[in-house]
N, C-alpha and C. Protein backbone atom coordinates (compact mmCIF):
# COMPACT_ATOMS: atom_id res chain seq x y z
N MET A 1 -93.20 -23.55 23.65
CA MET A 1 -93.14 -24.48 22.77
C MET A 1 -94.68 -24.93 22.71
N THR A 2 -95.00 -25.48 21.44
CA THR A 2 -96.57 -26.00 21.29
C THR A 2 -96.54 -27.39 21.62
N ALA A 3 -97.35 -28.04 21.18
CA ALA A 3 -97.83 -29.46 21.35
C ALA A 3 -96.73 -30.36 20.41
N THR A 4 -96.59 -29.73 19.00
CA THR A 4 -95.66 -30.30 18.17
C THR A 4 -94.76 -30.07 18.51
N GLY A 5 -93.81 -29.28 19.31
CA GLY A 5 -92.82 -29.01 19.47
C GLY A 5 -91.95 -27.78 18.80
N GLY A 6 -92.78 -27.25 18.26
CA GLY A 6 -92.42 -25.89 17.22
C GLY A 6 -92.77 -24.59 18.15
N PRO A 7 -92.41 -23.41 17.75
CA PRO A 7 -92.79 -22.41 18.40
C PRO A 7 -94.17 -22.11 18.54
N LYS A 8 -94.55 -21.31 19.35
CA LYS A 8 -96.06 -20.49 19.75
C LYS A 8 -96.57 -19.94 18.52
N THR A 9 -97.65 -20.12 18.18
CA THR A 9 -98.52 -19.42 17.08
C THR A 9 -98.36 -17.80 17.60
N LYS A 10 -98.73 -16.98 16.73
CA LYS A 10 -98.50 -15.85 16.90
C LYS A 10 -99.70 -15.28 17.93
N ALA A 11 -100.81 -16.11 17.73
CA ALA A 11 -102.09 -15.92 18.69
C ALA A 11 -101.53 -16.13 19.88
N ALA A 12 -101.06 -17.31 20.19
CA ALA A 12 -100.30 -17.53 21.57
C ALA A 12 -99.56 -16.79 21.95
N GLN A 13 -98.76 -15.97 21.36
CA GLN A 13 -97.69 -14.96 21.68
C GLN A 13 -98.50 -13.89 22.11
N VAL A 14 -99.43 -13.39 21.16
CA VAL A 14 -100.12 -12.12 21.70
C VAL A 14 -101.11 -12.54 22.98
N ALA A 15 -101.51 -13.66 23.20
CA ALA A 15 -102.23 -14.18 24.58
C ALA A 15 -101.19 -14.10 25.62
N ASP A 16 -100.24 -14.61 25.45
CA ASP A 16 -99.05 -14.57 26.49
C ASP A 16 -98.66 -12.98 26.79
N ALA A 17 -98.40 -12.24 25.62
CA ALA A 17 -97.99 -10.95 26.43
C ALA A 17 -99.19 -10.11 26.84
N LEU A 18 -100.38 -10.16 26.51
CA LEU A 18 -101.44 -9.72 27.02
C LEU A 18 -101.95 -9.93 28.34
N ARG A 19 -101.67 -11.52 28.76
CA ARG A 19 -102.01 -11.92 30.04
C ARG A 19 -101.45 -11.16 31.04
N ALA A 20 -100.08 -11.07 31.03
CA ALA A 20 -99.30 -10.51 31.79
C ALA A 20 -99.44 -8.83 32.24
N GLU A 21 -100.06 -8.46 31.31
CA GLU A 21 -100.52 -6.92 31.49
C GLU A 21 -101.94 -6.95 31.98
N VAL A 22 -102.85 -8.01 31.75
CA VAL A 22 -103.90 -7.98 32.15
C VAL A 22 -104.11 -8.07 33.60
N ARG A 23 -103.34 -9.25 34.20
CA ARG A 23 -103.24 -9.73 35.48
C ARG A 23 -102.64 -8.48 36.50
N ALA A 24 -102.23 -7.17 35.71
CA ALA A 24 -101.77 -5.85 36.41
C ALA A 24 -102.62 -5.01 36.30
N MET A 25 -104.07 -5.59 35.62
CA MET A 25 -104.94 -4.33 35.71
C MET A 25 -106.19 -4.49 36.81
N LYS A 26 -106.86 -3.55 37.01
CA LYS A 26 -108.09 -3.66 37.82
C LYS A 26 -109.02 -4.45 37.17
N PRO A 27 -109.99 -5.41 37.86
CA PRO A 27 -111.16 -5.84 37.19
C PRO A 27 -111.86 -4.81 36.61
N GLY A 28 -112.33 -4.94 35.18
CA GLY A 28 -113.02 -4.32 34.59
C GLY A 28 -112.51 -3.23 33.77
N GLU A 29 -111.32 -2.99 34.12
CA GLU A 29 -110.64 -2.21 33.11
C GLU A 29 -110.55 -2.63 31.67
N ARG A 30 -110.62 -1.71 30.74
CA ARG A 30 -110.65 -1.85 29.24
C ARG A 30 -109.12 -2.11 28.63
N LEU A 31 -109.24 -3.35 27.77
CA LEU A 31 -107.78 -3.52 27.35
C LEU A 31 -108.28 -2.66 25.82
N PRO A 32 -106.67 -2.29 25.45
CA PRO A 32 -106.62 -1.45 24.13
C PRO A 32 -107.53 -2.00 23.00
N THR A 33 -108.08 -1.43 22.23
CA THR A 33 -108.77 -1.81 20.94
C THR A 33 -108.00 -2.90 20.20
N GLN A 34 -108.69 -3.41 19.18
CA GLN A 34 -108.08 -4.54 18.48
C GLN A 34 -107.31 -3.80 17.26
N ARG A 35 -107.44 -2.36 17.02
CA ARG A 35 -106.75 -1.74 16.07
C ARG A 35 -105.38 -1.32 16.77
N GLU A 36 -105.63 -0.81 18.05
CA GLU A 36 -104.31 -0.35 18.60
C GLU A 36 -103.47 -1.74 18.85
N LEU A 37 -103.94 -2.99 19.03
CA LEU A 37 -103.47 -4.08 19.28
C LEU A 37 -102.57 -4.56 17.91
N VAL A 38 -103.28 -4.66 16.95
CA VAL A 38 -102.77 -4.97 15.49
C VAL A 38 -101.40 -3.72 15.09
N GLU A 39 -101.78 -2.66 15.60
CA GLU A 39 -100.61 -1.63 15.10
C GLU A 39 -99.45 -2.05 16.38
N ARG A 40 -99.69 -2.46 17.59
CA ARG A 40 -98.86 -2.70 18.28
C ARG A 40 -98.10 -3.86 18.28
N PHE A 41 -98.82 -4.87 18.06
CA PHE A 41 -98.11 -6.33 17.56
C PHE A 41 -97.44 -6.73 16.08
N GLY A 42 -98.11 -5.79 15.24
CA GLY A 42 -97.77 -5.86 13.73
C GLY A 42 -98.43 -7.24 12.84
N TYR A 43 -99.58 -7.89 13.65
CA TYR A 43 -100.08 -9.04 13.24
C TYR A 43 -101.48 -8.70 12.56
N ALA A 44 -102.14 -9.54 12.04
CA ALA A 44 -103.05 -9.23 11.20
C ALA A 44 -104.69 -9.13 12.41
N GLY A 45 -105.43 -8.58 11.95
CA GLY A 45 -106.63 -8.40 12.77
C GLY A 45 -107.32 -9.79 13.46
N GLN A 46 -107.25 -10.68 12.52
CA GLN A 46 -107.68 -12.28 12.97
C GLN A 46 -106.88 -12.71 13.81
N THR A 47 -105.37 -12.55 14.05
CA THR A 47 -104.63 -13.21 14.65
C THR A 47 -104.98 -12.72 16.10
N ILE A 48 -104.83 -11.27 16.29
CA ILE A 48 -105.24 -10.50 17.61
C ILE A 48 -106.33 -10.95 18.02
N GLN A 49 -107.59 -11.14 17.22
CA GLN A 49 -109.01 -11.92 17.72
C GLN A 49 -108.55 -13.44 18.30
N ASN A 50 -107.76 -14.04 17.72
CA ASN A 50 -107.59 -15.53 18.12
C ASN A 50 -107.00 -15.21 19.26
N GLY A 51 -105.80 -14.37 19.60
CA GLY A 51 -105.15 -14.13 20.69
C GLY A 51 -106.27 -13.93 21.99
N LEU A 52 -106.98 -12.97 21.82
CA LEU A 52 -108.01 -12.42 22.56
C LEU A 52 -109.15 -13.52 22.90
N ALA A 53 -109.39 -14.64 21.90
CA ALA A 53 -110.19 -15.58 22.15
C ALA A 53 -109.50 -16.80 23.19
N ILE A 54 -108.34 -16.75 23.06
CA ILE A 54 -107.71 -17.71 24.03
C ILE A 54 -107.80 -17.11 25.70
N LEU A 55 -107.44 -15.61 25.56
CA LEU A 55 -107.53 -15.09 27.04
C LEU A 55 -109.25 -15.20 27.55
N ARG A 56 -110.37 -15.00 26.62
CA ARG A 56 -111.41 -15.12 26.78
C ARG A 56 -111.83 -16.72 27.36
N ALA A 57 -111.35 -17.71 26.79
CA ALA A 57 -111.45 -19.00 27.23
C ALA A 57 -110.84 -19.26 28.33
N GLU A 58 -109.68 -18.77 28.98
CA GLU A 58 -109.42 -18.98 30.25
C GLU A 58 -109.95 -18.16 31.07
N GLY A 59 -110.88 -17.42 30.83
CA GLY A 59 -111.33 -16.57 31.67
C GLY A 59 -110.88 -15.23 32.32
N VAL A 60 -109.66 -15.06 31.78
CA VAL A 60 -108.72 -13.80 31.86
C VAL A 60 -109.36 -12.31 31.58
N ILE A 61 -109.90 -12.76 30.40
CA ILE A 61 -110.80 -11.39 29.94
C ILE A 61 -112.27 -11.56 29.54
N VAL A 62 -113.07 -10.70 29.54
CA VAL A 62 -114.45 -10.52 29.14
C VAL A 62 -114.73 -9.67 28.00
N SER A 63 -115.35 -10.28 27.04
CA SER A 63 -115.90 -9.07 26.05
C SER A 63 -117.18 -8.68 26.03
N VAL A 64 -117.66 -7.56 26.17
CA VAL A 64 -118.90 -7.04 26.06
C VAL A 64 -119.09 -6.22 24.73
N GLY A 65 -119.63 -7.01 23.94
CA GLY A 65 -120.41 -6.73 22.54
C GLY A 65 -119.35 -5.93 21.95
N ASN A 66 -119.73 -4.52 21.35
CA ASN A 66 -119.07 -3.85 20.52
C ASN A 66 -118.28 -2.82 21.40
N LEU A 67 -118.38 -2.63 22.94
CA LEU A 67 -117.68 -1.75 23.75
C LEU A 67 -116.19 -2.50 24.17
N GLY A 68 -115.91 -3.61 23.83
CA GLY A 68 -114.22 -4.03 23.82
C GLY A 68 -114.18 -5.20 24.91
N ASN A 69 -112.87 -5.45 25.10
CA ASN A 69 -112.63 -6.33 25.90
C ASN A 69 -112.28 -5.72 27.41
N PHE A 70 -112.49 -6.48 28.43
CA PHE A 70 -112.15 -5.96 29.83
C PHE A 70 -111.58 -7.12 30.61
N ALA A 71 -110.68 -6.65 31.75
CA ALA A 71 -109.95 -7.39 32.53
C ALA A 71 -111.04 -8.15 33.48
N ALA A 72 -111.00 -9.50 33.51
CA ALA A 72 -112.00 -10.13 34.33
C ALA A 72 -111.76 -9.94 35.58
N GLY A 73 -112.77 -10.02 36.53
CA GLY A 73 -112.45 -9.94 37.97
C GLY A 73 -112.58 -11.09 38.80
N GLY A 74 -112.07 -11.14 40.14
CA GLY A 74 -112.22 -12.30 40.89
C GLY A 74 -111.23 -13.24 40.79
N GLU A 75 -111.56 -14.44 40.94
CA GLU A 75 -110.70 -15.61 40.82
C GLU A 75 -110.30 -16.04 39.21
N GLU A 76 -111.11 -15.44 38.49
CA GLU A 76 -111.05 -15.92 37.17
C GLU A 76 -110.03 -15.26 36.53
N GLN A 77 -109.58 -14.09 36.92
CA GLN A 77 -108.35 -13.25 36.54
C GLN A 77 -107.06 -14.12 37.04
N GLY A 78 -106.42 -14.86 35.92
CA GLY A 78 -105.45 -15.45 36.06
C GLY A 78 -104.97 -16.30 37.13
N ASP A 79 -105.91 -17.02 38.13
CA ASP A 79 -105.66 -17.87 38.95
C ASP A 79 -105.41 -19.15 38.68
N LYS A 80 -105.53 -19.37 37.28
CA LYS A 80 -105.41 -20.92 36.77
C LYS A 80 -103.87 -21.39 36.70
N PRO A 81 -103.48 -22.58 37.15
CA PRO A 81 -102.04 -22.94 37.05
C PRO A 81 -101.51 -22.82 35.69
N ASP A 82 -100.26 -22.72 35.71
CA ASP A 82 -99.43 -22.19 34.55
C ASP A 82 -99.77 -23.47 33.54
N GLU A 83 -99.88 -24.86 34.19
CA GLU A 83 -99.95 -26.03 33.44
C GLU A 83 -101.03 -26.16 32.58
N LEU A 84 -102.16 -25.60 33.27
CA LEU A 84 -103.48 -25.44 32.49
C LEU A 84 -103.37 -24.32 31.41
N THR A 85 -102.88 -23.27 31.67
CA THR A 85 -102.71 -22.20 30.55
C THR A 85 -101.88 -22.89 29.33
N GLU A 86 -100.81 -23.41 29.68
CA GLU A 86 -99.88 -24.07 28.42
C GLU A 86 -100.91 -25.08 27.65
N ILE A 87 -101.50 -25.99 28.42
CA ILE A 87 -102.57 -27.02 27.62
C ILE A 87 -103.51 -26.43 26.75
N ARG A 88 -104.07 -25.36 27.36
CA ARG A 88 -105.04 -24.47 26.43
C ARG A 88 -104.43 -23.92 25.29
N SER A 89 -103.23 -23.29 25.27
CA SER A 89 -102.31 -22.91 24.33
C SER A 89 -101.77 -23.89 23.14
N GLN A 90 -101.83 -25.13 23.73
CA GLN A 90 -101.49 -26.22 22.90
C GLN A 90 -102.96 -26.66 22.00
N ILE A 91 -103.86 -26.59 22.60
CA ILE A 91 -105.28 -27.12 22.18
C ILE A 91 -105.49 -25.83 21.21
N GLN A 92 -105.25 -24.80 21.14
CA GLN A 92 -105.53 -23.84 20.40
C GLN A 92 -104.69 -24.07 19.28
N ALA A 93 -103.29 -24.20 19.27
CA ALA A 93 -102.45 -24.39 18.23
C ALA A 93 -102.93 -25.73 17.26
N LEU A 94 -103.04 -26.62 18.00
CA LEU A 94 -103.46 -27.60 17.51
C LEU A 94 -104.94 -27.61 16.53
N ALA A 95 -105.89 -26.84 16.92
CA ALA A 95 -107.17 -26.61 16.53
C ALA A 95 -106.94 -25.38 15.20
N GLU A 96 -105.91 -24.75 15.29
CA GLU A 96 -105.55 -23.88 14.15
C GLU A 96 -104.82 -24.71 12.95
N ARG A 97 -103.70 -25.88 13.40
CA ARG A 97 -103.47 -26.69 12.50
C ARG A 97 -104.35 -27.50 11.86
N VAL A 98 -105.49 -27.86 12.32
CA VAL A 98 -106.45 -28.80 11.89
C VAL A 98 -107.12 -28.13 10.88
N ALA A 99 -107.67 -26.64 11.10
CA ALA A 99 -108.28 -25.72 10.49
C ALA A 99 -107.66 -25.61 9.25
N LYS A 100 -106.32 -25.22 9.40
CA LYS A 100 -105.46 -25.11 8.18
C LYS A 100 -105.42 -26.48 7.09
N LEU A 101 -105.48 -27.46 7.99
CA LEU A 101 -105.45 -28.82 7.05
C LEU A 101 -106.73 -29.29 6.25
N GLU A 102 -107.73 -28.84 7.21
CA GLU A 102 -109.23 -28.91 6.64
C GLU A 102 -109.47 -27.94 5.36
N SER A 103 -108.79 -26.58 5.46
CA SER A 103 -109.03 -25.83 4.10
C SER A 103 -108.43 -26.43 2.76
N ARG A 104 -107.33 -26.92 3.21
CA ARG A 104 -106.55 -27.33 2.21
C ARG A 104 -106.91 -29.07 1.51
N CYS A 105 -107.99 -29.31 2.19
CA CYS A 105 -108.66 -30.93 1.66
C CYS A 105 -109.91 -30.82 1.10
N ASP A 106 -110.06 -31.57 0.22
CA ASP A 106 -111.53 -31.59 -0.28
C ASP A 106 -112.33 -33.00 0.43
N CYS A 107 -111.92 -33.36 1.65
CA CYS A 107 -112.39 -34.43 2.44
C CYS A 107 -113.71 -34.60 2.29
N GLY A 108 -114.26 -34.55 1.41
CA GLY A 108 -115.68 -35.43 1.51
C GLY A 108 -117.03 -34.22 1.90
N ALA A 109 -116.70 -33.01 1.82
CA ALA A 109 -117.55 -32.10 2.27
C ALA A 109 -118.32 -31.33 1.09
């Protein structure tokens, strides 16, 4: 559930699914490519990017330029409490809602 009480965003669902996999990976191990993740989840590339961004913000993965995304090492790899992870997911969902609302508004810009 998100902060609004509705279902999780697709990006949060991607992050949740990948988070469990990444925790089982060795530090430095490469994640599947974005194209592979698009095919696997059936979501748009931007949705996959947003899911990966959630994991980067949590320190679960690191991005290395055009080389891809890799499992983070050490304490950063999933050692944060579940509550903090849920709060970050809620913040991400709210940020997406704000961006969507702002795109529909001519609010003085």
